[in-house]
Amino acid sequence: MNSINQEVFEKVSGVLQELFELSADDIRPSSNLYQDLDIDSIDAVDLVVELKKMTGKKINPEDFKSVRTVEDVVVAVEKLFA
């Protein structure tokens, strides 16, 4: 990951830890949100709401339909600033 990716990853990781009481050790870019981290569709909505607060940007739910891994979340957040 480049430095911007790492910064975004750390912020996303922090949100996941806070919202879902996950261990930082469990959160890797390749971690599947649903299978590895036990996040369900309701949790995913909470994640989008929290990311909106964090970024101050409107997040299109369509952009998150294909999100499966933590890295996918990082890429989606980066797109908000592209």
PDB file of N, CA and C in Angstrom:
ATOM      1  N   MET A   1       0.845  -1.183   0.000  1.00  0.00           N
ATOM      2  CA  MET A   1       0.000   0.000   0.000  1.00  0.00           C
ATOM      3  C   MET A   1       0.885   1.238   0.000  1.00  0.00           C
ATOM      4  N   ASN A   2       0.474   2.256  -0.728  1.00  0.00           N
ATOM      5  CA  ASN A   2       1.226   3.501  -0.657  1.00  0.00           C
ATOM      6  C   ASN A   2       0.818   4.258   0.603  1.00  0.00           C
ATOM      7  N   SER A   3       1.461   5.405   0.857  1.00  0.00           N
ATOM      8  CA  SER A   3       1.227   6.099   2.124  1.00  0.00           C
ATOM      9  C   SER A   3      -0.209   6.600   2.254  1.00  0.00           C
ATOM     10  N   ILE A   4      -0.803   7.028   1.168  1.00  0.00           N
ATOM     11  CA  ILE A   4      -2.195   7.481   1.241  1.00  0.00           C
ATOM     12  C   ILE A   4      -3.093   6.286   1.556  1.00  0.00           C
ATOM     13  N   ASN A   5      -2.861   5.169   0.866  1.00  0.00           N
ATOM     14  CA  ASN A   5      -3.629   3.958   1.155  1.00  0.00           C
ATOM     15  C   ASN A   5      -3.482   3.555   2.616  1.00  0.00           C
ATOM     16  N   GLN A   6      -2.272   3.621   3.133  1.00  0.00           N
ATOM     17  CA  GLN A   6      -2.024   3.219   4.517  1.00  0.00           C
ATOM     18  C   GLN A   6      -2.785   4.129   5.476  1.00  0.00           C
ATOM     19  N   GLU A   7      -2.785   5.419   5.189  1.00  0.00           N
ATOM     20  CA  GLU A   7      -3.502   6.371   6.046  1.00  0.00           C
ATOM     21  C   GLU A   7      -5.005   6.077   6.031  1.00  0.00           C
ATOM     22  N   VAL A   8      -5.551   5.863   4.845  1.00  0.00           N
ATOM     23  CA  VAL A   8      -6.978   5.556   4.730  1.00  0.00           C
ATOM     24  C   VAL A   8      -7.269   4.210   5.389  1.00  0.00           C
ATOM     25  N   PHE A   9      -6.400   3.227   5.166  1.00  0.00           N
ATOM     26  CA  PHE A   9      -6.575   1.914   5.790  1.00  0.00           C
ATOM     27  C   PHE A   9      -6.635   2.046   7.312  1.00  0.00           C
ATOM     28  N   GLU A  10      -5.733   2.826   7.886  1.00  0.00           N
ATOM     29  CA  GLU A  10      -5.711   2.985   9.340  1.00  0.00           C
ATOM     30  C   GLU A  10      -6.995   3.636   9.851  1.00  0.00           C
ATOM     31  N   LYS A  11      -7.516   4.604   9.096  1.00  0.00           N
ATOM     32  CA  LYS A  11      -8.771   5.251   9.502  1.00  0.00           C
ATOM     33  C   LYS A  11      -9.942   4.274   9.395  1.00  0.00           C
ATOM     34  N   VAL A  12      -9.995   3.537   8.294  1.00  0.00           N
ATOM     35  CA  VAL A  12     -11.060   2.543   8.113  1.00  0.00           C
ATOM     36  C   VAL A  12     -10.951   1.470   9.194  1.00  0.00           C
ATOM     37  N   SER A  13      -9.747   1.028   9.473  1.00  0.00           N
ATOM     38  CA  SER A  13      -9.523   0.033  10.516  1.00  0.00           C
ATOM     39  C   SER A  13     -10.017   0.553  11.861  1.00  0.00           C
ATOM     40  N   GLY A  14      -9.729   1.804  12.151  1.00  0.00           N
ATOM     41  CA  GLY A  14     -10.186   2.410  13.400  1.00  0.00           C
ATOM     42  C   GLY A  14     -11.701   2.429  13.504  1.00  0.00           C
ATOM     43  N   VAL A  15     -12.361   2.750  12.400  1.00  0.00           N
ATOM     44  CA  VAL A  15     -13.830   2.753  12.376  1.00  0.00           C
ATOM     45  C   VAL A  15     -14.358   1.342  12.625  1.00  0.00           C
ATOM     46  N   LEU A  16     -13.775   0.359  11.963  1.00  0.00           N
ATOM     47  CA  LEU A  16     -14.209  -1.031  12.141  1.00  0.00           C
ATOM     48  C   LEU A  16     -14.004  -1.487  13.588  1.00  0.00           C
ATOM     49  N   GLN A  17     -12.874  -1.108  14.176  1.00  0.00           N
ATOM     50  CA  GLN A  17     -12.604  -1.491  15.566  1.00  0.00           C
ATOM     51  C   GLN A  17     -13.623  -0.859  16.512  1.00  0.00           C
ATOM     52  N   GLU A  18     -13.892   0.411  16.284  1.00  0.00           N
ATOM     53  CA  GLU A  18     -14.806   1.133  17.169  1.00  0.00           C
ATOM     54  C   GLU A  18     -16.250   0.660  17.012  1.00  0.00           C
ATOM     55  N   LEU A  19     -16.708   0.556  15.781  1.00  0.00           N
ATOM     56  CA  LEU A  19     -18.110   0.197  15.528  1.00  0.00           C
ATOM     57  C   LEU A  19     -18.430  -1.244  15.895  1.00  0.00           C
ATOM     58  N   PHE A  20     -17.519  -2.147  15.569  1.00  0.00           N
ATOM     59  CA  PHE A  20     -17.833  -3.570  15.664  1.00  0.00           C
ATOM     60  C   PHE A  20     -16.982  -4.320  16.683  1.00  0.00           C
ATOM     61  N   GLU A  21     -16.226  -3.560  17.496  1.00  0.00           N
ATOM     62  CA  GLU A  21     -15.404  -4.148  18.555  1.00  0.00           C
ATOM     63  C   GLU A  21     -14.488  -5.250  18.016  1.00  0.00           C
ATOM     64  N   LEU A  22     -13.858  -4.946  16.891  1.00  0.00           N
ATOM     65  CA  LEU A  22     -12.932  -5.891  16.269  1.00  0.00           C
ATOM     66  C   LEU A  22     -11.511  -5.611  16.738  1.00  0.00           C
ATOM     67  N   SER A  23     -10.696  -6.626  16.724  1.00  0.00           N
ATOM     68  CA  SER A  23      -9.283  -6.484  17.061  1.00  0.00           C
ATOM     69  C   SER A  23      -8.528  -5.973  15.838  1.00  0.00           C
ATOM     70  N   ALA A  24      -7.588  -5.080  16.062  1.00  0.00           N
ATOM     71  CA  ALA A  24      -6.766  -4.566  14.960  1.00  0.00           C
ATOM     72  C   ALA A  24      -6.040  -5.706  14.248  1.00  0.00           C
ATOM     73  N   ASP A  25      -5.705  -6.750  14.988  1.00  0.00           N
ATOM     74  CA  ASP A  25      -5.005  -7.897  14.396  1.00  0.00           C
ATOM     75  C   ASP A  25      -5.859  -8.642  13.371  1.00  0.00           C
ATOM     76  N   ASP A  26      -7.175  -8.544  13.500  1.00  0.00           N
ATOM     77  CA  ASP A  26      -8.083  -9.242  12.585  1.00  0.00           C
ATOM     78  C   ASP A  26      -8.345  -8.455  11.306  1.00  0.00           C
ATOM     79  N   ILE A  27      -8.005  -7.179  11.314  1.00  0.00           N
ATOM     80  CA  ILE A  27      -8.340  -6.305  10.189  1.00  0.00           C
ATOM     81  C   ILE A  27      -7.123  -6.155   9.284  1.00  0.00           C
ATOM     82  N   ARG A  28      -7.202  -6.820   8.132  1.00  0.00           N
ATOM     83  CA  ARG A  28      -6.159  -6.741   7.118  1.00  0.00           C
ATOM     84  C   ARG A  28      -6.822  -6.306   5.811  1.00  0.00           C
ATOM     85  N   PRO A  29      -6.063  -5.763   4.880  1.00  0.00           N
ATOM     86  CA  PRO A  29      -6.675  -5.360   3.609  1.00  0.00           C
ATOM     87  C   PRO A  29      -7.458  -6.489   2.943  1.00  0.00           C
ATOM     88  N   SER A  30      -6.979  -7.719   3.090  1.00  0.00           N
ATOM     89  CA  SER A  30      -7.633  -8.854   2.430  1.00  0.00           C
ATOM     90  C   SER A  30      -8.803  -9.427   3.231  1.00  0.00           C
ATOM     91  N   SER A  31      -9.037  -8.917   4.438  1.00  0.00           N
ATOM     92  CA  SER A  31     -10.123  -9.451   5.273  1.00  0.00           C
ATOM     93  C   SER A  31     -11.470  -9.227   4.605  1.00  0.00           C
ATOM     94  N   ASN A  32     -12.237 -10.304   4.479  1.00  0.00           N
ATOM     95  CA  ASN A  32     -13.582 -10.209   3.931  1.00  0.00           C
ATOM     96  C   ASN A  32     -14.496  -9.686   5.034  1.00  0.00           C
ATOM     97  N   LEU A  33     -15.224  -8.619   4.717  1.00  0.00           N
ATOM     98  CA  LEU A  33     -16.084  -7.994   5.723  1.00  0.00           C
ATOM     99  C   LEU A  33     -17.110  -8.970   6.275  1.00  0.00           C
ATOM    100  N   TYR A  34     -17.670  -9.776   5.403  1.00  0.00           N
ATOM    101  CA  TYR A  34     -18.791 -10.630   5.792  1.00  0.00           C
ATOM    102  C   TYR A  34     -18.337 -11.962   6.376  1.00  0.00           C
ATOM    103  N   GLN A  35     -17.329 -12.572   5.767  1.00  0.00           N
ATOM    104  CA  GLN A  35     -16.885 -13.898   6.219  1.00  0.00           C
ATOM    105  C   GLN A  35     -15.861 -13.818   7.346  1.00  0.00           C
ATOM    106  N   ASP A  36     -14.870 -12.950   7.203  1.00  0.00           N
ATOM    107  CA  ASP A  36     -13.796 -12.886   8.198  1.00  0.00           C
ATOM    108  C   ASP A  36     -14.156 -12.025   9.404  1.00  0.00           C
ATOM    109  N   LEU A  37     -14.896 -10.945   9.162  1.00  0.00           N
ATOM    110  CA  LEU A  37     -15.169  -9.984  10.234  1.00  0.00           C
ATOM    111  C   LEU A  37     -16.603 -10.057  10.753  1.00  0.00           C
ATOM    112  N   ASP A  38     -17.397 -10.964  10.197  1.00  0.00           N
ATOM    113  CA  ASP A  38     -18.788 -11.174  10.638  1.00  0.00           C
ATOM    114  C   ASP A  38     -19.646  -9.910  10.596  1.00  0.00           C
ATOM    115  N   ILE A  39     -19.439  -9.099   9.577  1.00  0.00           N
ATOM    116  CA  ILE A  39     -20.261  -7.905   9.387  1.00  0.00           C
ATOM    117  C   ILE A  39     -21.437  -8.300   8.506  1.00  0.00           C
ATOM    118  N   ASP A  40     -22.643  -7.912   8.921  1.00  0.00           N
ATOM    119  CA  ASP A  40     -23.823  -8.228   8.110  1.00  0.00           C
ATOM    120  C   ASP A  40     -24.287  -6.974   7.367  1.00  0.00           C
ATOM    121  N   SER A  41     -25.394  -7.086   6.635  1.00  0.00           N
ATOM    122  CA  SER A  41     -25.842  -5.970   5.801  1.00  0.00           C
ATOM    123  C   SER A  41     -26.241  -4.752   6.632  1.00  0.00           C
ATOM    124  N   ILE A  42     -26.795  -4.973   7.809  1.00  0.00           N
ATOM    125  CA  ILE A  42     -27.149  -3.854   8.691  1.00  0.00           C
ATOM    126  C   ILE A  42     -25.866  -3.165   9.167  1.00  0.00           C
ATOM    127  N   ASP A  43     -24.869  -3.963   9.532  1.00  0.00           N
ATOM    128  CA  ASP A  43     -23.578  -3.406   9.942  1.00  0.00           C
ATOM    129  C   ASP A  43     -22.949  -2.606   8.803  1.00  0.00           C
ATOM    130  N   ALA A  44     -23.112  -3.088   7.584  1.00  0.00           N
ATOM    131  CA  ALA A  44     -22.541  -2.403   6.425  1.00  0.00           C
ATOM    132  C   ALA A  44     -23.150  -1.014   6.277  1.00  0.00           C
ATOM    133  N   VAL A  45     -24.448  -0.891   6.550  1.00  0.00           N
ATOM    134  CA  VAL A  45     -25.107   0.420   6.504  1.00  0.00           C
ATOM    135  C   VAL A  45     -24.497   1.330   7.573  1.00  0.00           C
ATOM    136  N   ASP A  46     -24.301   0.790   8.779  1.00  0.00           N
ATOM    137  CA  ASP A  46     -23.666   1.565   9.853  1.00  0.00           C
ATOM    138  C   ASP A  46     -22.266   2.016   9.442  1.00  0.00           C
ATOM    139  N   LEU A  47     -21.547   1.145   8.753  1.00  0.00           N
ATOM    140  CA  LEU A  47     -20.202   1.477   8.290  1.00  0.00           C
ATOM    141  C   LEU A  47     -20.250   2.637   7.300  1.00  0.00           C
ATOM    142  N   VAL A  48     -21.183   2.599   6.360  1.00  0.00           N
ATOM    143  CA  VAL A  48     -21.316   3.674   5.374  1.00  0.00           C
ATOM    144  C   VAL A  48     -21.634   4.992   6.077  1.00  0.00           C
ATOM    145  N   VAL A  49     -22.532   4.962   7.053  1.00  0.00           N
ATOM    146  CA  VAL A  49     -22.891   6.173   7.802  1.00  0.00           C
ATOM    147  C   VAL A  49     -21.654   6.734   8.513  1.00  0.00           C
ATOM    148  N   GLU A  50     -20.891   5.875   9.142  1.00  0.00           N
ATOM    149  CA  GLU A  50     -19.691   6.314   9.871  1.00  0.00           C
ATOM    150  C   GLU A  50     -18.629   6.851   8.913  1.00  0.00           C
ATOM    151  N   LEU A  51     -18.481   6.218   7.752  1.00  0.00           N
ATOM    152  CA  LEU A  51     -17.517   6.704   6.760  1.00  0.00           C
ATOM    153  C   LEU A  51     -17.935   8.067   6.223  1.00  0.00           C
ATOM    154  N   LYS A  52     -19.229   8.275   6.094  1.00  0.00           N
ATOM    155  CA  LYS A  52     -19.732   9.583   5.653  1.00  0.00           C
ATOM    156  C   LYS A  52     -19.350  10.649   6.676  1.00  0.00           C
ATOM    157  N   LYS A  53     -19.531  10.329   7.960  1.00  0.00           N
ATOM    158  CA  LYS A  53     -19.131  11.272   9.016  1.00  0.00           C
ATOM    159  C   LYS A  53     -17.630  11.538   8.962  1.00  0.00           C
ATOM    160  N   MET A  54     -16.853  10.485   8.774  1.00  0.00           N
ATOM    161  CA  MET A  54     -15.397  10.592   8.774  1.00  0.00           C
ATOM    162  C   MET A  54     -14.893  11.437   7.606  1.00  0.00           C
ATOM    163  N   THR A  55     -15.505  11.262   6.437  1.00  0.00           N
ATOM    164  CA  THR A  55     -15.015  11.929   5.232  1.00  0.00           C
ATOM    165  C   THR A  55     -15.713  13.254   4.952  1.00  0.00           C
ATOM    166  N   GLY A  56     -16.915  13.414   5.486  1.00  0.00           N
ATOM    167  CA  GLY A  56     -17.691  14.603   5.167  1.00  0.00           C
ATOM    168  C   GLY A  56     -18.234  14.576   3.749  1.00  0.00           C
ATOM    169  N   LYS A  57     -18.174  13.417   3.121  1.00  0.00           N
ATOM    170  CA  LYS A  57     -18.621  13.263   1.729  1.00  0.00           C
ATOM    171  C   LYS A  57     -19.841  12.353   1.669  1.00  0.00           C
ATOM    172  N   LYS A  58     -20.705  12.646   0.697  1.00  0.00           N
ATOM    173  CA  LYS A  58     -21.860  11.772   0.467  1.00  0.00           C
ATOM    174  C   LYS A  58     -21.362  10.488  -0.187  1.00  0.00           C
ATOM    175  N   ILE A  59     -21.808   9.379   0.346  1.00  0.00           N
ATOM    176  CA  ILE A  59     -21.391   8.085  -0.182  1.00  0.00           C
ATOM    177  C   ILE A  59     -22.568   7.455  -0.910  1.00  0.00           C
ATOM    178  N   ASN A  60     -22.362   7.144  -2.167  1.00  0.00           N
ATOM    179  CA  ASN A  60     -23.399   6.516  -2.968  1.00  0.00           C
ATOM    180  C   ASN A  60     -23.471   5.033  -2.597  1.00  0.00           C
ATOM    181  N   PRO A  61     -24.630   4.572  -2.107  1.00  0.00           N
ATOM    182  CA  PRO A  61     -24.753   3.157  -1.741  1.00  0.00           C
ATOM    183  C   PRO A  61     -24.389   2.210  -2.886  1.00  0.00           C
ATOM    184  N   GLU A  62     -24.597   2.637  -4.112  1.00  0.00           N
ATOM    185  CA  GLU A  62     -24.245   1.804  -5.268  1.00  0.00           C
ATOM    186  C   GLU A  62     -22.745   1.501  -5.283  1.00  0.00           C
ATOM    187  N   ASP A  63     -21.948   2.464  -4.835  1.00  0.00           N
ATOM    188  CA  ASP A  63     -20.494   2.277  -4.809  1.00  0.00           C
ATOM    189  C   ASP A  63     -20.082   1.209  -3.803  1.00  0.00           C
ATOM    190  N   PHE A  64     -20.953   0.934  -2.848  1.00  0.00           N
ATOM    191  CA  PHE A  64     -20.609  -0.027  -1.809  1.00  0.00           C
ATOM    192  C   PHE A  64     -21.206  -1.407  -2.047  1.00  0.00           C
ATOM    193  N   LYS A  65     -22.002  -1.562  -3.087  1.00  0.00           N
ATOM    194  CA  LYS A  65     -22.600  -2.876  -3.354  1.00  0.00           C
ATOM    195  C   LYS A  65     -21.556  -3.935  -3.671  1.00  0.00           C
ATOM    196  N   SER A  66     -20.467  -3.534  -4.305  1.00  0.00           N
ATOM    197  CA  SER A  66     -19.445  -4.506  -4.697  1.00  0.00           C
ATOM    198  C   SER A  66     -18.328  -4.644  -3.658  1.00  0.00           C
ATOM    199  N   VAL A  67     -18.411  -3.890  -2.576  1.00  0.00           N
ATOM    200  CA  VAL A  67     -17.383  -3.941  -1.534  1.00  0.00           C
ATOM    201  C   VAL A  67     -17.470  -5.269  -0.791  1.00  0.00           C
ATOM    202  N   ARG A  68     -16.344  -5.972  -0.734  1.00  0.00           N
ATOM    203  CA  ARG A  68     -16.295  -7.261  -0.035  1.00  0.00           C
ATOM    204  C   ARG A  68     -15.176  -7.320   1.004  1.00  0.00           C
ATOM    205  N   THR A  69     -14.086  -6.597   0.734  1.00  0.00           N
ATOM    206  CA  THR A  69     -12.929  -6.664   1.626  1.00  0.00           C
ATOM    207  C   THR A  69     -12.629  -5.290   2.222  1.00  0.00           C
ATOM    208  N   VAL A  70     -11.767  -5.282   3.213  1.00  0.00           N
ATOM    209  CA  VAL A  70     -11.340  -4.013   3.803  1.00  0.00           C
ATOM    210  C   VAL A  70     -10.657  -3.163   2.733  1.00  0.00           C
ATOM    211  N   GLU A  71      -9.864  -3.788   1.883  1.00  0.00           N
ATOM    212  CA  GLU A  71      -9.207  -3.046   0.802  1.00  0.00           C
ATOM    213  C   GLU A  71     -10.235  -2.401  -0.125  1.00  0.00           C
ATOM    214  N   ASP A  72     -11.340  -3.086  -0.402  1.00  0.00           N
ATOM    215  CA  ASP A  72     -12.411  -2.502  -1.223  1.00  0.00           C
ATOM    216  C   ASP A  72     -12.960  -1.233  -0.570  1.00  0.00           C
ATOM    217  N   VAL A  73     -13.091  -1.252   0.753  1.00  0.00           N
ATOM    218  CA  VAL A  73     -13.580  -0.073   1.481  1.00  0.00           C
ATOM    219  C   VAL A  73     -12.576   1.068   1.327  1.00  0.00           C
ATOM    220  N   VAL A  74     -11.294   0.758   1.475  1.00  0.00           N
ATOM    221  CA  VAL A  74     -10.244   1.771   1.335  1.00  0.00           C
ATOM    222  C   VAL A  74     -10.305   2.396  -0.060  1.00  0.00           C
ATOM    223  N   VAL A  75     -10.432   1.584  -1.087  1.00  0.00           N
ATOM    224  CA  VAL A  75     -10.504   2.080  -2.466  1.00  0.00           C
ATOM    225  C   VAL A  75     -11.741   2.961  -2.648  1.00  0.00           C
ATOM    226  N   ALA A  76     -12.880   2.545  -2.098  1.00  0.00           N
ATOM    227  CA  ALA A  76     -14.113   3.327  -2.216  1.00  0.00           C
ATOM    228  C   ALA A  76     -13.964   4.682  -1.529  1.00  0.00           C
ATOM    229  N   VAL A  77     -13.320   4.702  -0.370  1.00  0.00           N
ATOM    230  CA  VAL A  77     -13.099   5.969   0.341  1.00  0.00           C
ATOM    231  C   VAL A  77     -12.151   6.856  -0.465  1.00  0.00           C
ATOM    232  N   GLU A  78     -11.109   6.270  -1.024  1.00  0.00           N
ATOM    233  CA  GLU A  78     -10.172   7.052  -1.839  1.00  0.00           C
ATOM    234  C   GLU A  78     -10.873   7.685  -3.039  1.00  0.00           C
ATOM    235  N   LYS A  79     -11.821   6.974  -3.638  1.00  0.00           N
ATOM    236  CA  LYS A  79     -12.549   7.498  -4.800  1.00  0.00           C
ATOM    237  C   LYS A  79     -13.326   8.759  -4.438  1.00  0.00           C
ATOM    238  N   LEU A  80     -13.734   8.877  -3.177  1.00  0.00           N
ATOM    239  CA  LEU A  80     -14.466  10.067  -2.748  1.00  0.00           C
ATOM    240  C   LEU A  80     -13.619  11.326  -2.885  1.00  0.00           C
ATOM    241  N   PHE A  81     -12.315  11.161  -2.825  1.00  0.00           N
ATOM    242  CA  PHE A  81     -11.406  12.302  -2.877  1.00  0.00           C
ATOM    243  C   PHE A  81     -10.701  12.435  -4.216  1.00  0.00           C
ATOM    244  N   ALA A  82     -11.048  11.574  -5.156  1.00  0.00           N
ATOM    245  CA  ALA A  82     -10.398  11.602  -6.477  1.00  0.00           C
ATOM    246  C   ALA A  82     -10.942  12.743  -7.320  1.00  0.00           C
TER     247      ALA A  82
END
